[in-house]
Amino acid sequence: MKKLINQVETVLNEQLQGFVAAHPALRLHRDPVFITRSDAPLVGKVALISGGGSGHEPMHSGFVGDGMLDGAVPGEIFTSP
């Protein structure tokens, strides 16, 4: 199986940029890196955030959206949650 990785140092950022480009309801933040709903923060609602290490993809980012997570914090590649 082939992997779509240009450089290990930039893979997380490239994956997140592509994910946000494909899902305009999300916003990518940098330094620190995290993803939120574009309409966050929602007044009167406690934010629900998840995260963990990134293996071959930043998994938790796929759970951000209406009725799901408000944000996701991906760790570096192959780090513990």
PDB file of N, CA and C in Angstrom:
ATOM      1  N   MET A   1       0.839  -1.183   0.000  1.00  0.00           N
ATOM      2  CA  MET A   1       0.000   0.000   0.000  1.00  0.00           C
ATOM      3  C   MET A   1       0.881   1.242   0.000  1.00  0.00           C
ATOM      4  N   LYS A   2       0.567   2.183  -0.846  1.00  0.00           N
ATOM      5  CA  LYS A   2       1.310   3.440  -0.921  1.00  0.00           C
ATOM      6  C   LYS A   2       0.722   4.451   0.058  1.00  0.00           C
ATOM      7  N   LYS A   3       1.575   5.335   0.534  1.00  0.00           N
ATOM      8  CA  LYS A   3       1.143   6.401   1.436  1.00  0.00           C
ATOM      9  C   LYS A   3       1.301   7.738   0.722  1.00  0.00           C
ATOM     10  N   LEU A   4       0.410   8.653   1.013  1.00  0.00           N
ATOM     11  CA  LEU A   4       0.480   9.992   0.428  1.00  0.00           C
ATOM     12  C   LEU A   4       1.133  10.936   1.423  1.00  0.00           C
ATOM     13  N   ILE A   5       2.435  10.773   1.590  1.00  0.00           N
ATOM     14  CA  ILE A   5       3.191  11.596   2.533  1.00  0.00           C
ATOM     15  C   ILE A   5       4.346  12.236   1.773  1.00  0.00           C
ATOM     16  N   ASN A   6       4.383  13.554   1.769  1.00  0.00           N
ATOM     17  CA  ASN A   6       5.496  14.255   1.135  1.00  0.00           C
ATOM     18  C   ASN A   6       6.704  14.267   2.052  1.00  0.00           C
ATOM     19  N   GLN A   7       6.517  14.769   3.279  1.00  0.00           N
ATOM     20  CA  GLN A   7       7.569  14.794   4.293  1.00  0.00           C
ATOM     21  C   GLN A   7       6.922  14.538   5.643  1.00  0.00           C
ATOM     22  N   VAL A   8       7.579  13.749   6.478  1.00  0.00           N
ATOM     23  CA  VAL A   8       7.034  13.425   7.797  1.00  0.00           C
ATOM     24  C   VAL A   8       6.831  14.696   8.620  1.00  0.00           C
ATOM     25  N   GLU A   9       7.723  15.660   8.472  1.00  0.00           N
ATOM     26  CA  GLU A   9       7.652  16.896   9.265  1.00  0.00           C
ATOM     27  C   GLU A   9       6.432  17.748   8.930  1.00  0.00           C
ATOM     28  N   THR A  10       5.886  17.591   7.729  1.00  0.00           N
ATOM     29  CA  THR A  10       4.774  18.445   7.310  1.00  0.00           C
ATOM     30  C   THR A  10       3.467  17.689   7.098  1.00  0.00           C
ATOM     31  N   VAL A  11       3.471  16.375   7.309  1.00  0.00           N
ATOM     32  CA  VAL A  11       2.301  15.565   6.964  1.00  0.00           C
ATOM     33  C   VAL A  11       1.061  15.961   7.761  1.00  0.00           C
ATOM     34  N   LEU A  12       1.185  16.202   9.049  1.00  0.00           N
ATOM     35  CA  LEU A  12       0.011  16.552   9.850  1.00  0.00           C
ATOM     36  C   LEU A  12      -0.606  17.857   9.357  1.00  0.00           C
ATOM     37  N   ASN A  13       0.215  18.865   9.156  1.00  0.00           N
ATOM     38  CA  ASN A  13      -0.287  20.154   8.683  1.00  0.00           C
ATOM     39  C   ASN A  13      -0.933  20.024   7.302  1.00  0.00           C
ATOM     40  N   GLU A  14      -0.320  19.254   6.409  1.00  0.00           N
ATOM     41  CA  GLU A  14      -0.882  19.069   5.071  1.00  0.00           C
ATOM     42  C   GLU A  14      -2.211  18.323   5.121  1.00  0.00           C
ATOM     43  N   GLN A  15      -2.307  17.305   5.972  1.00  0.00           N
ATOM     44  CA  GLN A  15      -3.562  16.563   6.098  1.00  0.00           C
ATOM     45  C   GLN A  15      -4.673  17.458   6.634  1.00  0.00           C
ATOM     46  N   LEU A  16      -4.352  18.261   7.636  1.00  0.00           N
ATOM     47  CA  LEU A  16      -5.365  19.143   8.215  1.00  0.00           C
ATOM     48  C   LEU A  16      -5.790  20.228   7.229  1.00  0.00           C
ATOM     49  N   GLN A  17      -4.849  20.781   6.475  1.00  0.00           N
ATOM     50  CA  GLN A  17      -5.194  21.786   5.463  1.00  0.00           C
ATOM     51  C   GLN A  17      -6.142  21.192   4.427  1.00  0.00           C
ATOM     52  N   GLY A  18      -5.872  19.984   3.988  1.00  0.00           N
ATOM     53  CA  GLY A  18      -6.740  19.324   3.019  1.00  0.00           C
ATOM     54  C   GLY A  18      -8.105  19.013   3.587  1.00  0.00           C
ATOM     55  N   PHE A  19      -8.134  18.583   4.849  1.00  0.00           N
ATOM     56  CA  PHE A  19      -9.400  18.248   5.497  1.00  0.00           C
ATOM     57  C   PHE A  19     -10.287  19.479   5.616  1.00  0.00           C
ATOM     58  N   VAL A  20      -9.704  20.597   6.039  1.00  0.00           N
ATOM     59  CA  VAL A  20     -10.465  21.841   6.182  1.00  0.00           C
ATOM     60  C   VAL A  20     -10.883  22.378   4.808  1.00  0.00           C
ATOM     61  N   ALA A  21     -10.047  22.211   3.798  1.00  0.00           N
ATOM     62  CA  ALA A  21     -10.418  22.642   2.444  1.00  0.00           C
ATOM     63  C   ALA A  21     -11.623  21.858   1.931  1.00  0.00           C
ATOM     64  N   ALA A  22     -11.724  20.597   2.328  1.00  0.00           N
ATOM     65  CA  ALA A  22     -12.842  19.752   1.896  1.00  0.00           C
ATOM     66  C   ALA A  22     -14.088  19.945   2.749  1.00  0.00           C
ATOM     67  N   HIS A  23     -13.937  20.559   3.930  1.00  0.00           N
ATOM     68  CA  HIS A  23     -15.057  20.749   4.860  1.00  0.00           C
ATOM     69  C   HIS A  23     -15.096  22.213   5.301  1.00  0.00           C
ATOM     70  N   PRO A  24     -15.766  23.081   4.539  1.00  0.00           N
ATOM     71  CA  PRO A  24     -15.766  24.516   4.840  1.00  0.00           C
ATOM     72  C   PRO A  24     -16.427  24.890   6.162  1.00  0.00           C
ATOM     73  N   ALA A  25     -17.119  23.969   6.809  1.00  0.00           N
ATOM     74  CA  ALA A  25     -17.725  24.259   8.110  1.00  0.00           C
ATOM     75  C   ALA A  25     -16.702  24.151   9.237  1.00  0.00           C
ATOM     76  N   LEU A  26     -15.437  23.879   8.893  1.00  0.00           N
ATOM     77  CA  LEU A  26     -14.373  23.758   9.890  1.00  0.00           C
ATOM     78  C   LEU A  26     -13.340  24.853   9.697  1.00  0.00           C
ATOM     79  N   ARG A  27     -12.624  25.150  10.782  1.00  0.00           N
ATOM     80  CA  ARG A  27     -11.572  26.167  10.748  1.00  0.00           C
ATOM     81  C   ARG A  27     -10.303  25.583  11.363  1.00  0.00           C
ATOM     82  N   LEU A  28      -9.166  25.789  10.711  1.00  0.00           N
ATOM     83  CA  LEU A  28      -7.872  25.321  11.199  1.00  0.00           C
ATOM     84  C   LEU A  28      -7.168  26.460  11.918  1.00  0.00           C
ATOM     85  N   HIS A  29      -6.712  26.197  13.124  1.00  0.00           N
ATOM     86  CA  HIS A  29      -5.949  27.162  13.921  1.00  0.00           C
ATOM     87  C   HIS A  29      -4.507  26.667  14.003  1.00  0.00           C
ATOM     88  N   ARG A  30      -3.580  27.569  14.173  1.00  0.00           N
ATOM     89  CA  ARG A  30      -2.162  27.190  14.236  1.00  0.00           C
ATOM     90  C   ARG A  30      -1.512  27.771  15.484  1.00  0.00           C
ATOM     91  N   ASP A  31      -0.555  27.034  15.991  1.00  0.00           N
ATOM     92  CA  ASP A  31       0.297  27.452  17.112  1.00  0.00           C
ATOM     93  C   ASP A  31      -0.491  27.835  18.352  1.00  0.00           C
ATOM     94  N   PRO A  32      -1.128  26.896  18.995  1.00  0.00           N
ATOM     95  CA  PRO A  32      -1.088  25.454  18.737  1.00  0.00           C
ATOM     96  C   PRO A  32      -2.076  25.053  17.642  1.00  0.00           C
ATOM     97  N   VAL A  33      -1.854  23.866  17.094  1.00  0.00           N
ATOM     98  CA  VAL A  33      -2.690  23.356  16.006  1.00  0.00           C
ATOM     99  C   VAL A  33      -3.941  22.701  16.570  1.00  0.00           C
ATOM    100  N   PHE A  34      -5.108  23.147  16.089  1.00  0.00           N
ATOM    101  CA  PHE A  34      -6.374  22.506  16.435  1.00  0.00           C
ATOM    102  C   PHE A  34      -7.422  22.915  15.413  1.00  0.00           C
ATOM    103  N   ILE A  35      -8.510  22.144  15.370  1.00  0.00           N
ATOM    104  CA  ILE A  35      -9.615  22.401  14.445  1.00  0.00           C
ATOM    105  C   ILE A  35     -10.868  22.673  15.255  1.00  0.00           C
ATOM    106  N   THR A  36     -11.663  23.658  14.816  1.00  0.00           N
ATOM    107  CA  THR A  36     -12.958  23.930  15.444  1.00  0.00           C
ATOM    108  C   THR A  36     -14.019  24.066  14.356  1.00  0.00           C
ATOM    109  N   ARG A  37     -15.265  24.055  14.812  1.00  0.00           N
ATOM    110  CA  ARG A  37     -16.361  24.411  13.913  1.00  0.00           C
ATOM    111  C   ARG A  37     -16.163  25.871  13.525  1.00  0.00           C
ATOM    112  N   SER A  38     -16.547  26.233  12.333  1.00  0.00           N
ATOM    113  CA  SER A  38     -16.399  27.623  11.889  1.00  0.00           C
ATOM    114  C   SER A  38     -17.254  28.582  12.702  1.00  0.00           C
ATOM    115  N   ASP A  39     -18.370  28.079  13.258  1.00  0.00           N
ATOM    116  CA  ASP A  39     -19.264  28.937  14.037  1.00  0.00           C
ATOM    117  C   ASP A  39     -18.945  28.930  15.530  1.00  0.00           C
ATOM    118  N   ALA A  40     -17.840  28.336  15.933  1.00  0.00           N
ATOM    119  CA  ALA A  40     -17.454  28.303  17.351  1.00  0.00           C
ATOM    120  C   ALA A  40     -16.818  29.631  17.729  1.00  0.00           C
ATOM    121  N   PRO A  41     -16.944  30.059  18.971  1.00  0.00           N
ATOM    122  CA  PRO A  41     -17.664  29.412  20.074  1.00  0.00           C
ATOM    123  C   PRO A  41     -19.160  29.713  20.019  1.00  0.00           C
ATOM    124  N   LEU A  42     -19.936  28.752  20.464  1.00  0.00           N
ATOM    125  CA  LEU A  42     -21.388  28.909  20.522  1.00  0.00           C
ATOM    126  C   LEU A  42     -21.771  29.427  21.903  1.00  0.00           C
ATOM    127  N   VAL A  43     -22.452  30.549  21.950  1.00  0.00           N
ATOM    128  CA  VAL A  43     -22.850  31.174  23.210  1.00  0.00           C
ATOM    129  C   VAL A  43     -23.823  30.266  23.950  1.00  0.00           C
ATOM    130  N   GLY A  44     -23.574  30.061  25.248  1.00  0.00           N
ATOM    131  CA  GLY A  44     -24.463  29.258  26.082  1.00  0.00           C
ATOM    132  C   GLY A  44     -24.243  27.762  25.964  1.00  0.00           C
ATOM    133  N   LYS A  45     -23.192  27.333  25.276  1.00  0.00           N
ATOM    134  CA  LYS A  45     -22.909  25.908  25.112  1.00  0.00           C
ATOM    135  C   LYS A  45     -21.495  25.622  25.589  1.00  0.00           C
ATOM    136  N   VAL A  46     -21.356  24.564  26.376  1.00  0.00           N
ATOM    137  CA  VAL A  46     -20.034  24.122  26.793  1.00  0.00           C
ATOM    138  C   VAL A  46     -19.384  23.421  25.605  1.00  0.00           C
ATOM    139  N   ALA A  47     -18.161  23.785  25.286  1.00  0.00           N
ATOM    140  CA  ALA A  47     -17.466  23.183  24.143  1.00  0.00           C
ATOM    141  C   ALA A  47     -17.056  21.752  24.458  1.00  0.00           C
ATOM    142  N   LEU A  48     -17.240  20.870  23.495  1.00  0.00           N
ATOM    143  CA  LEU A  48     -16.836  19.474  23.602  1.00  0.00           C
ATOM    144  C   LEU A  48     -15.641  19.276  22.671  1.00  0.00           C
ATOM    145  N   ILE A  49     -14.490  18.939  23.271  1.00  0.00           N
ATOM    146  CA  ILE A  49     -13.237  18.836  22.526  1.00  0.00           C
ATOM    147  C   ILE A  49     -12.606  17.478  22.783  1.00  0.00           C
ATOM    148  N   SER A  50     -11.987  16.909  21.761  1.00  0.00           N
ATOM    149  CA  SER A  50     -11.285  15.634  21.900  1.00  0.00           C
ATOM    150  C   SER A  50      -9.963  15.740  21.159  1.00  0.00           C
ATOM    151  N   GLY A  51      -9.138  14.753  21.344  1.00  0.00           N
ATOM    152  CA  GLY A  51      -7.868  14.749  20.639  1.00  0.00           C
ATOM    153  C   GLY A  51      -7.035  13.551  21.008  1.00  0.00           C
ATOM    154  N   GLY A  52      -5.899  13.455  20.408  1.00  0.00           N
ATOM    155  CA  GLY A  52      -4.981  12.354  20.657  1.00  0.00           C
ATOM    156  C   GLY A  52      -3.869  12.388  19.635  1.00  0.00           C
ATOM    157  N   GLY A  53      -3.022  11.394  19.709  1.00  0.00           N
ATOM    158  CA  GLY A  53      -1.923  11.300  18.758  1.00  0.00           C
ATOM    159  C   GLY A  53      -2.433  11.049  17.351  1.00  0.00           C
ATOM    160  N   SER A  54      -1.654  11.427  16.375  1.00  0.00           N
ATOM    161  CA  SER A  54      -2.009  11.194  14.973  1.00  0.00           C
ATOM    162  C   SER A  54      -1.169  10.036  14.461  1.00  0.00           C
ATOM    163  N   GLY A  55      -1.839   8.996  14.019  1.00  0.00           N
ATOM    164  CA  GLY A  55      -1.117   7.860  13.449  1.00  0.00           C
ATOM    165  C   GLY A  55      -0.888   8.119  11.984  1.00  0.00           C
ATOM    166  N   HIS A  56      -1.751   7.596  11.149  1.00  0.00           N
ATOM    167  CA  HIS A  56      -1.647   7.845   9.719  1.00  0.00           C
ATOM    168  C   HIS A  56      -2.601   8.951   9.289  1.00  0.00           C
ATOM    169  N   GLU A  57      -3.409   9.427  10.195  1.00  0.00           N
ATOM    170  CA  GLU A  57      -4.344  10.508   9.896  1.00  0.00           C
ATOM    171  C   GLU A  57      -4.809  11.143  11.209  1.00  0.00           C
ATOM    172  N   PRO A  58      -5.183  12.418  11.183  1.00  0.00           N
ATOM    173  CA  PRO A  58      -5.719  13.070  12.390  1.00  0.00           C
ATOM    174  C   PRO A  58      -7.185  12.694  12.591  1.00  0.00           C
ATOM    175  N   MET A  59      -7.450  11.517  13.167  1.00  0.00           N
ATOM    176  CA  MET A  59      -8.776  10.917  13.254  1.00  0.00           C
ATOM    177  C   MET A  59      -9.841  11.811  13.887  1.00  0.00           C
ATOM    178  N   HIS A  60      -9.550  12.424  15.007  1.00  0.00           N
ATOM    179  CA  HIS A  60     -10.577  13.156  15.741  1.00  0.00           C
ATOM    180  C   HIS A  60     -11.155  14.326  14.959  1.00  0.00           C
ATOM    181  N   SER A  61     -10.435  14.843  13.999  1.00  0.00           N
ATOM    182  CA  SER A  61     -10.939  15.949  13.178  1.00  0.00           C
ATOM    183  C   SER A  61     -12.202  15.562  12.425  1.00  0.00           C
ATOM    184  N   GLY A  62     -12.353  14.301  12.113  1.00  0.00           N
ATOM    185  CA  GLY A  62     -13.539  13.821  11.406  1.00  0.00           C
ATOM    186  C   GLY A  62     -14.795  13.804  12.245  1.00  0.00           C
ATOM    187  N   PHE A  63     -14.648  14.013  13.545  1.00  0.00           N
ATOM    188  CA  PHE A  63     -15.799  14.026  14.441  1.00  0.00           C
ATOM    189  C   PHE A  63     -16.229  15.436  14.823  1.00  0.00           C
ATOM    190  N   VAL A  64     -15.655  16.463  14.214  1.00  0.00           N
ATOM    191  CA  VAL A  64     -16.013  17.852  14.507  1.00  0.00           C
ATOM    192  C   VAL A  64     -17.143  18.270  13.576  1.00  0.00           C
ATOM    193  N   GLY A  65     -18.221  18.782  14.161  1.00  0.00           N
ATOM    194  CA  GLY A  65     -19.341  19.242  13.351  1.00  0.00           C
ATOM    195  C   GLY A  65     -20.604  19.360  14.168  1.00  0.00           C
ATOM    196  N   ASP A  66     -21.682  19.738  13.532  1.00  0.00           N
ATOM    197  CA  ASP A  66     -22.971  19.922  14.185  1.00  0.00           C
ATOM    198  C   ASP A  66     -23.431  18.620  14.841  1.00  0.00           C
ATOM    199  N   GLY A  67     -23.724  18.669  16.129  1.00  0.00           N
ATOM    200  CA  GLY A  67     -24.172  17.494  16.868  1.00  0.00           C
ATOM    201  C   GLY A  67     -23.040  16.581  17.293  1.00  0.00           C
ATOM    202  N   MET A  68     -21.806  16.987  17.037  1.00  0.00           N
ATOM    203  CA  MET A  68     -20.650  16.170  17.404  1.00  0.00           C
ATOM    204  C   MET A  68     -19.678  17.042  18.199  1.00  0.00           C
ATOM    205  N   LEU A  69     -18.393  16.900  17.961  1.00  0.00           N
ATOM    206  CA  LEU A  69     -17.397  17.694  18.675  1.00  0.00           C
ATOM    207  C   LEU A  69     -17.394  19.143  18.192  1.00  0.00           C
ATOM    208  N   ASP A  70     -16.997  20.045  19.097  1.00  0.00           N
ATOM    209  CA  ASP A  70     -16.814  21.446  18.729  1.00  0.00           C
ATOM    210  C   ASP A  70     -15.379  21.709  18.284  1.00  0.00           C
ATOM    211  N   GLY A  71     -14.466  20.829  18.692  1.00  0.00           N
ATOM    212  CA  GLY A  71     -13.069  20.999  18.322  1.00  0.00           C
ATOM    213  C   GLY A  71     -12.289  19.714  18.486  1.00  0.00           C
ATOM    214  N   ALA A  72     -11.138  19.661  17.837  1.00  0.00           N
ATOM    215  CA  ALA A  72     -10.240  18.516  17.938  1.00  0.00           C
ATOM    216  C   ALA A  72      -8.806  19.017  17.983  1.00  0.00           C
ATOM    217  N   VAL A  73      -8.013  18.375  18.833  1.00  0.00           N
ATOM    218  CA  VAL A  73      -6.610  18.735  19.002  1.00  0.00           C
ATOM    219  C   VAL A  73      -5.764  17.525  18.611  1.00  0.00           C
ATOM    220  N   PRO A  74      -5.191  17.531  17.406  1.00  0.00           N
ATOM    221  CA  PRO A  74      -4.381  16.388  16.989  1.00  0.00           C
ATOM    222  C   PRO A  74      -2.962  16.496  17.525  1.00  0.00           C
ATOM    223  N   GLY A  75      -2.443  15.379  18.005  1.00  0.00           N
ATOM    224  CA  GLY A  75      -1.046  15.342  18.439  1.00  0.00           C
ATOM    225  C   GLY A  75      -0.136  15.114  17.247  1.00  0.00           C
ATOM    226  N   GLU A  76       1.140  15.099  17.518  1.00  0.00           N
ATOM    227  CA  GLU A  76       2.103  14.823  16.454  1.00  0.00           C
ATOM    228  C   GLU A  76       1.990  13.373  16.005  1.00  0.00           C
ATOM    229  N   ILE A  77       2.597  13.051  14.883  1.00  0.00           N
ATOM    230  CA  ILE A  77       2.544  11.707  14.324  1.00  0.00           C
ATOM    231  C   ILE A  77       3.138  10.706  15.315  1.00  0.00           C
ATOM    232  N   PHE A  78       2.395   9.638  15.564  1.00  0.00           N
ATOM    233  CA  PHE A  78       2.792   8.511  16.410  1.00  0.00           C
ATOM    234  C   PHE A  78       3.121   8.905  17.850  1.00  0.00           C
ATOM    235  N   THR A  79       2.417   9.892  18.400  1.00  0.00           N
ATOM    236  CA  THR A  79       2.570  10.222  19.814  1.00  0.00           C
ATOM    237  C   THR A  79       1.398   9.637  20.585  1.00  0.00           C
ATOM    238  N   SER A  80       1.612   9.414  21.855  1.00  0.00           N
ATOM    239  CA  SER A  80       0.540   8.877  22.699  1.00  0.00           C
ATOM    240  C   SER A  80      -0.539   9.922  22.900  1.00  0.00           C
ATOM    241  N   PRO A  81      -1.788   9.482  23.101  1.00  0.00           N
ATOM    242  CA  PRO A  81      -2.862  10.440  23.383  1.00  0.00           C
ATOM    243  C   PRO A  81      -2.664  11.111  24.726  1.00  0.00           C
TER     244      PRO A  81
END
